[in-house]
Amino acid sequence: MRHLLAGLVGLLLTAAFAVAAGRGVALAFRPLQVGDLEPAGRTPGLVWLLTAGVFLGLLVLSRRLSPVAPLVAGIVMLLGTLVGISLPELLRPGAPGGTAFGVYVLNGYGLGVLFATLLLIVAAVPTGTRRARPAVS
């Protein structure tokens, strides 16, 4: 049951990460409008990227629940990037500043592969060391 719950948590956190990272990239790297102050114009995007980092951290920490959560998240991110690269017409860039544009930029630079690799390695690493059992005589 915990593996099923972990898979669901992995899917939900992956979606939340993708939306937050996409929105953050779109806002942080959009062209500034005339009259925008440099730091203040980028702040909403940086807050979204910070939120995406929290979601990514939660995905890594969900390994404590079950290795299924980061495994599902890594596979979903890897498949999303592969679809974005092989069938770019399915993932249109959308309007600059929008979430779809940010996800398009993340896939375009291959960052989905980076995050997917991180999560797949986290899922594959054992949780701890096994204690030696006392010999039965």
N, C-alpha and C. Protein backbone atom coordinates (compact mmCIF):
# COMPACT_ATOMS: atom_id res chain seq x y z
N MET A 1 0.82 -1.20 0.00
CA MET A 1 0.00 0.00 0.00
C MET A 1 0.86 1.27 0.00
N ARG A 2 2.00 1.20 0.75
CA ARG A 2 2.85 2.40 0.80
C ARG A 2 3.49 2.67 -0.55
N HIS A 3 3.72 1.62 -1.36
CA HIS A 3 4.30 1.83 -2.68
C HIS A 3 3.30 2.51 -3.62
N LEU A 4 2.04 2.14 -3.49
CA LEU A 4 1.00 2.79 -4.29
C LEU A 4 0.86 4.26 -3.89
N LEU A 5 0.86 4.52 -2.60
CA LEU A 5 0.80 5.89 -2.11
C LEU A 5 2.03 6.68 -2.56
N ALA A 6 3.20 6.04 -2.52
CA ALA A 6 4.42 6.71 -2.95
C ALA A 6 4.38 7.03 -4.45
N GLY A 7 3.83 6.14 -5.25
CA GLY A 7 3.70 6.42 -6.68
C GLY A 7 2.80 7.61 -6.93
N LEU A 8 1.71 7.70 -6.19
CA LEU A 8 0.79 8.84 -6.31
C LEU A 8 1.48 10.13 -5.86
N VAL A 9 2.20 10.07 -4.75
CA VAL A 9 2.95 11.24 -4.27
C VAL A 9 3.98 11.67 -5.32
N GLY A 10 4.66 10.69 -5.93
CA GLY A 10 5.63 10.99 -6.97
C GLY A 10 5.01 11.70 -8.16
N LEU A 11 3.84 11.24 -8.58
CA LEU A 11 3.15 11.88 -9.71
C LEU A 11 2.72 13.30 -9.37
N LEU A 12 2.15 13.49 -8.19
CA LEU A 12 1.67 14.81 -7.80
C LEU A 12 2.83 15.80 -7.63
N LEU A 13 3.91 15.36 -6.99
CA LEU A 13 5.05 16.26 -6.80
C LEU A 13 5.75 16.56 -8.12
N THR A 14 5.75 15.60 -9.05
CA THR A 14 6.35 15.84 -10.36
C THR A 14 5.56 16.91 -11.11
N ALA A 15 4.23 16.81 -11.06
CA ALA A 15 3.40 17.81 -11.72
C ALA A 15 3.60 19.18 -11.08
N ALA A 16 3.64 19.21 -9.75
CA ALA A 16 3.86 20.49 -9.05
C ALA A 16 5.23 21.07 -9.38
N PHE A 17 6.26 20.21 -9.45
CA PHE A 17 7.60 20.66 -9.80
C PHE A 17 7.62 21.23 -11.22
N ALA A 18 6.99 20.52 -12.16
CA ALA A 18 7.00 20.97 -13.56
C ALA A 18 6.31 22.33 -13.71
N VAL A 19 5.19 22.50 -13.04
CA VAL A 19 4.47 23.78 -13.13
C VAL A 19 5.30 24.90 -12.50
N ALA A 20 5.84 24.66 -11.30
CA ALA A 20 6.61 25.69 -10.61
C ALA A 20 7.89 26.03 -11.37
N ALA A 21 8.59 25.01 -11.86
CA ALA A 21 9.83 25.26 -12.60
C ALA A 21 9.54 25.96 -13.92
N GLY A 22 8.50 25.52 -14.60
CA GLY A 22 8.13 26.16 -15.87
C GLY A 22 7.74 27.61 -15.68
N ARG A 23 6.93 27.86 -14.69
CA ARG A 23 6.52 29.24 -14.42
C ARG A 23 7.71 30.08 -13.97
N GLY A 24 8.58 29.51 -13.15
CA GLY A 24 9.75 30.23 -12.68
C GLY A 24 10.71 30.59 -13.80
N VAL A 25 10.97 29.64 -14.68
CA VAL A 25 11.85 29.91 -15.82
C VAL A 25 11.24 30.96 -16.72
N ALA A 26 9.94 30.84 -16.94
CA ALA A 26 9.27 31.79 -17.82
C ALA A 26 9.32 33.21 -17.26
N LEU A 27 9.14 33.35 -15.95
CA LEU A 27 9.13 34.69 -15.36
C LEU A 27 10.53 35.23 -15.10
N ALA A 28 11.45 34.37 -14.73
CA ALA A 28 12.80 34.83 -14.40
C ALA A 28 13.59 35.22 -15.64
N PHE A 29 13.29 34.60 -16.77
CA PHE A 29 14.08 34.85 -17.96
C PHE A 29 13.29 35.56 -19.06
N ARG A 30 12.20 36.18 -18.69
CA ARG A 30 11.43 36.95 -19.68
C ARG A 30 12.11 38.30 -19.88
N PRO A 31 11.89 38.90 -21.03
CA PRO A 31 12.45 40.24 -21.23
C PRO A 31 11.77 41.23 -20.29
N LEU A 32 12.55 42.05 -19.66
CA LEU A 32 11.98 43.04 -18.75
C LEU A 32 11.31 44.16 -19.53
N GLN A 33 10.22 44.66 -18.98
CA GLN A 33 9.50 45.76 -19.59
C GLN A 33 10.17 47.08 -19.20
N VAL A 34 9.92 48.09 -19.98
CA VAL A 34 10.46 49.41 -19.65
C VAL A 34 9.87 49.85 -18.33
N GLY A 35 10.70 50.30 -17.43
CA GLY A 35 10.24 50.75 -16.12
C GLY A 35 10.36 49.68 -15.05
N ASP A 36 10.61 48.42 -15.44
CA ASP A 36 10.82 47.36 -14.45
C ASP A 36 12.18 47.57 -13.79
N LEU A 37 12.19 47.48 -12.50
CA LEU A 37 13.47 47.48 -11.80
C LEU A 37 14.07 46.09 -11.95
N GLU A 38 15.34 46.02 -12.17
CA GLU A 38 16.00 44.73 -12.43
C GLU A 38 15.71 43.69 -11.34
N PRO A 39 16.00 43.95 -10.07
CA PRO A 39 15.75 42.91 -9.07
C PRO A 39 14.26 42.62 -8.89
N ALA A 40 13.44 43.66 -8.85
CA ALA A 40 12.01 43.46 -8.60
C ALA A 40 11.33 42.76 -9.78
N GLY A 41 11.83 42.98 -10.99
CA GLY A 41 11.22 42.35 -12.16
C GLY A 41 11.46 40.86 -12.21
N ARG A 42 12.52 40.38 -11.59
CA ARG A 42 12.87 38.96 -11.60
C ARG A 42 12.40 38.21 -10.35
N THR A 43 11.97 38.93 -9.33
CA THR A 43 11.64 38.31 -8.05
C THR A 43 10.53 37.26 -8.15
N PRO A 44 9.42 37.50 -8.85
CA PRO A 44 8.39 36.44 -8.91
C PRO A 44 8.92 35.14 -9.53
N GLY A 45 9.74 35.27 -10.56
CA GLY A 45 10.32 34.07 -11.17
C GLY A 45 11.23 33.32 -10.22
N LEU A 46 12.00 34.06 -9.45
CA LEU A 46 12.90 33.42 -8.48
C LEU A 46 12.13 32.75 -7.35
N VAL A 47 11.01 33.34 -6.96
CA VAL A 47 10.17 32.70 -5.94
C VAL A 47 9.59 31.40 -6.48
N TRP A 48 9.15 31.40 -7.73
CA TRP A 48 8.65 30.17 -8.35
C TRP A 48 9.75 29.12 -8.45
N LEU A 49 10.97 29.54 -8.80
CA LEU A 49 12.08 28.58 -8.87
C LEU A 49 12.43 28.03 -7.49
N LEU A 50 12.34 28.87 -6.46
CA LEU A 50 12.56 28.40 -5.10
C LEU A 50 11.50 27.36 -4.73
N THR A 51 10.27 27.61 -5.11
CA THR A 51 9.19 26.65 -4.86
C THR A 51 9.44 25.34 -5.61
N ALA A 52 9.93 25.43 -6.84
CA ALA A 52 10.26 24.23 -7.60
C ALA A 52 11.37 23.45 -6.90
N GLY A 53 12.34 24.15 -6.33
CA GLY A 53 13.40 23.49 -5.58
C GLY A 53 12.87 22.76 -4.35
N VAL A 54 11.90 23.36 -3.69
CA VAL A 54 11.27 22.69 -2.54
C VAL A 54 10.56 21.42 -2.99
N PHE A 55 9.84 21.49 -4.11
CA PHE A 55 9.16 20.30 -4.62
C PHE A 55 10.16 19.22 -5.01
N LEU A 56 11.28 19.61 -5.61
CA LEU A 56 12.31 18.64 -5.97
C LEU A 56 12.91 18.02 -4.71
N GLY A 57 13.14 18.84 -3.69
CA GLY A 57 13.63 18.30 -2.43
C GLY A 57 12.66 17.32 -1.79
N LEU A 58 11.37 17.63 -1.87
CA LEU A 58 10.36 16.71 -1.35
C LEU A 58 10.34 15.40 -2.13
N LEU A 59 10.58 15.49 -3.44
CA LEU A 59 10.66 14.27 -4.25
C LEU A 59 11.84 13.41 -3.80
N VAL A 60 12.97 14.04 -3.53
CA VAL A 60 14.13 13.28 -3.07
C VAL A 60 13.86 12.69 -1.69
N LEU A 61 13.26 13.49 -0.81
CA LEU A 61 12.95 13.00 0.54
C LEU A 61 11.86 11.93 0.56
N SER A 62 11.03 11.89 -0.47
CA SER A 62 9.98 10.88 -0.51
C SER A 62 10.56 9.48 -0.66
N ARG A 63 11.86 9.39 -0.90
CA ARG A 63 12.54 8.10 -0.94
C ARG A 63 12.41 7.37 0.39
N ARG A 64 12.25 8.14 1.47
CA ARG A 64 12.08 7.53 2.79
C ARG A 64 10.76 6.78 2.88
N LEU A 65 9.75 7.23 2.13
CA LEU A 65 8.47 6.54 2.11
C LEU A 65 8.58 5.26 1.29
N SER A 66 9.14 5.38 0.09
CA SER A 66 9.32 4.24 -0.80
C SER A 66 10.17 4.69 -1.97
N PRO A 67 10.99 3.79 -2.54
CA PRO A 67 11.78 4.17 -3.70
C PRO A 67 10.93 4.38 -4.96
N VAL A 68 9.66 4.04 -4.88
CA VAL A 68 8.77 4.19 -6.03
C VAL A 68 8.54 5.66 -6.37
N ALA A 69 8.47 6.53 -5.36
CA ALA A 69 8.17 7.95 -5.61
C ALA A 69 9.22 8.62 -6.50
N PRO A 70 10.51 8.58 -6.17
CA PRO A 70 11.48 9.20 -7.09
C PRO A 70 11.62 8.43 -8.40
N LEU A 71 11.36 7.13 -8.37
CA LEU A 71 11.42 6.34 -9.60
C LEU A 71 10.34 6.78 -10.58
N VAL A 72 9.11 6.91 -10.09
CA VAL A 72 8.01 7.37 -10.94
C VAL A 72 8.27 8.78 -11.45
N ALA A 73 8.75 9.66 -10.56
CA ALA A 73 9.03 11.04 -10.96
C ALA A 73 10.13 11.09 -12.01
N GLY A 74 11.19 10.32 -11.84
CA GLY A 74 12.27 10.30 -12.82
C GLY A 74 11.82 9.79 -14.17
N ILE A 75 11.02 8.74 -14.16
CA ILE A 75 10.52 8.18 -15.43
C ILE A 75 9.60 9.18 -16.13
N VAL A 76 8.72 9.82 -15.38
CA VAL A 76 7.81 10.81 -15.97
C VAL A 76 8.59 11.97 -16.58
N MET A 77 9.60 12.48 -15.85
CA MET A 77 10.40 13.59 -16.38
C MET A 77 11.20 13.17 -17.61
N LEU A 78 11.74 11.96 -17.58
CA LEU A 78 12.50 11.46 -18.72
C LEU A 78 11.61 11.29 -19.94
N LEU A 79 10.42 10.72 -19.73
CA LEU A 79 9.48 10.56 -20.85
C LEU A 79 9.00 11.91 -21.38
N GLY A 80 8.76 12.86 -20.48
CA GLY A 80 8.34 14.19 -20.91
C GLY A 80 9.40 14.86 -21.77
N THR A 81 10.65 14.71 -21.38
CA THR A 81 11.74 15.30 -22.16
C THR A 81 11.89 14.59 -23.50
N LEU A 82 11.78 13.27 -23.50
CA LEU A 82 11.90 12.52 -24.76
C LEU A 82 10.76 12.88 -25.72
N VAL A 83 9.55 13.04 -25.19
CA VAL A 83 8.43 13.45 -26.04
C VAL A 83 8.67 14.86 -26.56
N GLY A 84 9.16 15.74 -25.69
CA GLY A 84 9.44 17.11 -26.10
C GLY A 84 10.50 17.20 -27.18
N ILE A 85 11.48 16.31 -27.14
CA ILE A 85 12.55 16.33 -28.14
C ILE A 85 12.11 15.65 -29.43
N SER A 86 11.44 14.50 -29.32
CA SER A 86 11.09 13.75 -30.52
C SER A 86 9.83 14.28 -31.22
N LEU A 87 8.89 14.81 -30.46
CA LEU A 87 7.66 15.35 -31.04
C LEU A 87 7.44 16.78 -30.55
N PRO A 88 8.24 17.73 -31.00
CA PRO A 88 8.13 19.10 -30.45
C PRO A 88 6.80 19.77 -30.73
N GLU A 89 6.05 19.29 -31.74
CA GLU A 89 4.76 19.93 -32.02
C GLU A 89 3.72 19.64 -30.94
N LEU A 90 3.96 18.59 -30.12
CA LEU A 90 3.03 18.31 -29.03
C LEU A 90 3.20 19.29 -27.87
N LEU A 91 4.41 19.77 -27.66
CA LEU A 91 4.67 20.71 -26.58
C LEU A 91 4.99 22.07 -27.18
N ARG A 92 3.99 22.85 -27.43
CA ARG A 92 4.17 24.17 -28.01
C ARG A 92 4.69 25.14 -26.94
N PRO A 93 5.44 26.13 -27.37
CA PRO A 93 6.03 27.03 -26.37
C PRO A 93 5.02 27.90 -25.65
N GLY A 94 3.91 28.23 -26.22
CA GLY A 94 2.94 29.09 -25.55
C GLY A 94 3.42 30.53 -25.49
N ALA A 95 2.72 31.34 -24.75
CA ALA A 95 3.06 32.76 -24.63
C ALA A 95 4.26 32.94 -23.70
N PRO A 96 5.18 33.82 -24.04
CA PRO A 96 6.29 34.09 -23.12
C PRO A 96 5.77 34.55 -21.76
N GLY A 97 6.31 33.98 -20.72
CA GLY A 97 5.85 34.28 -19.37
C GLY A 97 4.87 33.26 -18.85
N GLY A 98 4.41 32.35 -19.69
CA GLY A 98 3.47 31.33 -19.26
C GLY A 98 4.17 30.05 -18.83
N THR A 99 3.42 29.18 -18.15
CA THR A 99 3.99 27.93 -17.67
C THR A 99 4.41 27.03 -18.82
N ALA A 100 3.60 26.93 -19.87
CA ALA A 100 3.95 26.08 -21.01
C ALA A 100 5.26 26.53 -21.66
N PHE A 101 5.48 27.84 -21.71
CA PHE A 101 6.73 28.36 -22.27
C PHE A 101 7.92 27.91 -21.42
N GLY A 102 7.77 27.98 -20.11
CA GLY A 102 8.86 27.57 -19.22
C GLY A 102 9.18 26.10 -19.32
N VAL A 103 8.15 25.26 -19.37
CA VAL A 103 8.38 23.82 -19.52
C VAL A 103 9.03 23.55 -20.87
N TYR A 104 8.62 24.29 -21.89
CA TYR A 104 9.23 24.16 -23.21
C TYR A 104 10.72 24.52 -23.15
N VAL A 105 11.05 25.58 -22.43
CA VAL A 105 12.45 25.99 -22.29
C VAL A 105 13.23 24.94 -21.51
N LEU A 106 12.66 24.41 -20.42
CA LEU A 106 13.34 23.38 -19.65
C LEU A 106 13.64 22.15 -20.50
N ASN A 107 12.67 21.72 -21.30
CA ASN A 107 12.88 20.57 -22.17
C ASN A 107 13.86 20.89 -23.28
N GLY A 108 13.81 22.12 -23.78
CA GLY A 108 14.69 22.52 -24.86
C GLY A 108 16.15 22.49 -24.47
N TYR A 109 16.44 22.80 -23.22
CA TYR A 109 17.82 22.76 -22.74
C TYR A 109 18.19 21.42 -22.14
N GLY A 110 17.28 20.48 -22.12
CA GLY A 110 17.55 19.15 -21.60
C GLY A 110 17.62 19.07 -20.09
N LEU A 111 17.07 20.05 -19.39
CA LEU A 111 17.13 20.02 -17.94
C LEU A 111 16.24 18.93 -17.35
N GLY A 112 15.23 18.52 -18.10
CA GLY A 112 14.39 17.42 -17.63
C GLY A 112 15.21 16.14 -17.48
N VAL A 113 16.18 15.93 -18.38
CA VAL A 113 17.05 14.76 -18.28
C VAL A 113 17.93 14.86 -17.03
N LEU A 114 18.39 16.06 -16.73
CA LEU A 114 19.21 16.26 -15.54
C LEU A 114 18.43 15.90 -14.27
N PHE A 115 17.22 16.43 -14.15
CA PHE A 115 16.41 16.15 -12.97
C PHE A 115 15.96 14.69 -12.94
N ALA A 116 15.64 14.12 -14.09
CA ALA A 116 15.25 12.71 -14.15
C ALA A 116 16.39 11.81 -13.71
N THR A 117 17.60 12.11 -14.14
CA THR A 117 18.77 11.31 -13.75
C THR A 117 18.99 11.38 -12.25
N LEU A 118 18.88 12.58 -11.69
CA LEU A 118 19.02 12.74 -10.24
C LEU A 118 18.01 11.87 -9.50
N LEU A 119 16.76 11.91 -9.92
CA LEU A 119 15.72 11.16 -9.22
C LEU A 119 15.86 9.65 -9.42
N LEU A 120 16.30 9.22 -10.60
CA LEU A 120 16.49 7.79 -10.83
C LEU A 120 17.66 7.25 -10.01
N ILE A 121 18.70 8.06 -9.84
CA ILE A 121 19.82 7.63 -8.99
C ILE A 121 19.37 7.56 -7.53
N VAL A 122 18.60 8.53 -7.09
CA VAL A 122 18.08 8.51 -5.71
C VAL A 122 17.23 7.26 -5.49
N ALA A 123 16.44 6.88 -6.48
CA ALA A 123 15.59 5.69 -6.34
C ALA A 123 16.42 4.42 -6.32
N ALA A 124 17.56 4.40 -7.00
CA ALA A 124 18.35 3.18 -7.12
C ALA A 124 19.29 2.95 -5.93
N VAL A 125 19.65 3.99 -5.23
CA VAL A 125 20.61 3.85 -4.12
C VAL A 125 19.92 3.20 -2.93
N PRO A 126 20.56 2.20 -2.33
CA PRO A 126 19.96 1.58 -1.15
C PRO A 126 19.85 2.58 0.01
N THR A 127 18.92 2.34 0.90
CA THR A 127 18.67 3.30 1.97
C THR A 127 19.69 3.27 3.09
N GLY A 128 20.32 2.20 3.33
CA GLY A 128 21.27 2.14 4.43
C GLY A 128 22.08 0.87 4.40
N THR A 129 22.84 0.69 5.44
CA THR A 129 23.66 -0.51 5.53
C THR A 129 22.91 -1.58 6.30
N ARG A 130 23.17 -2.79 5.95
CA ARG A 130 22.54 -3.90 6.66
C ARG A 130 23.41 -4.25 7.86
N ARG A 131 22.76 -4.53 8.93
CA ARG A 131 23.50 -4.93 10.12
C ARG A 131 23.78 -6.42 10.06
N ALA A 132 24.95 -6.73 10.49
CA ALA A 132 25.30 -8.15 10.51
C ALA A 132 24.46 -8.87 11.56
N ARG A 133 23.90 -9.97 11.16
CA ARG A 133 23.10 -10.75 12.10
C ARG A 133 24.03 -11.64 12.92
N PRO A 134 23.71 -11.77 14.18
CA PRO A 134 24.56 -12.65 15.00
C PRO A 134 24.43 -14.10 14.51
N ALA A 135 25.55 -14.78 14.55
CA ALA A 135 25.56 -16.18 14.10
C ALA A 135 24.75 -17.03 15.05
N VAL A 136 23.95 -17.90 14.49
CA VAL A 136 23.13 -18.81 15.29
C VAL A 136 23.95 -20.05 15.51
N SER A 137 24.15 -20.41 16.79
CA SER A 137 24.95 -21.60 17.04
C SER A 137 24.13 -22.76 17.53
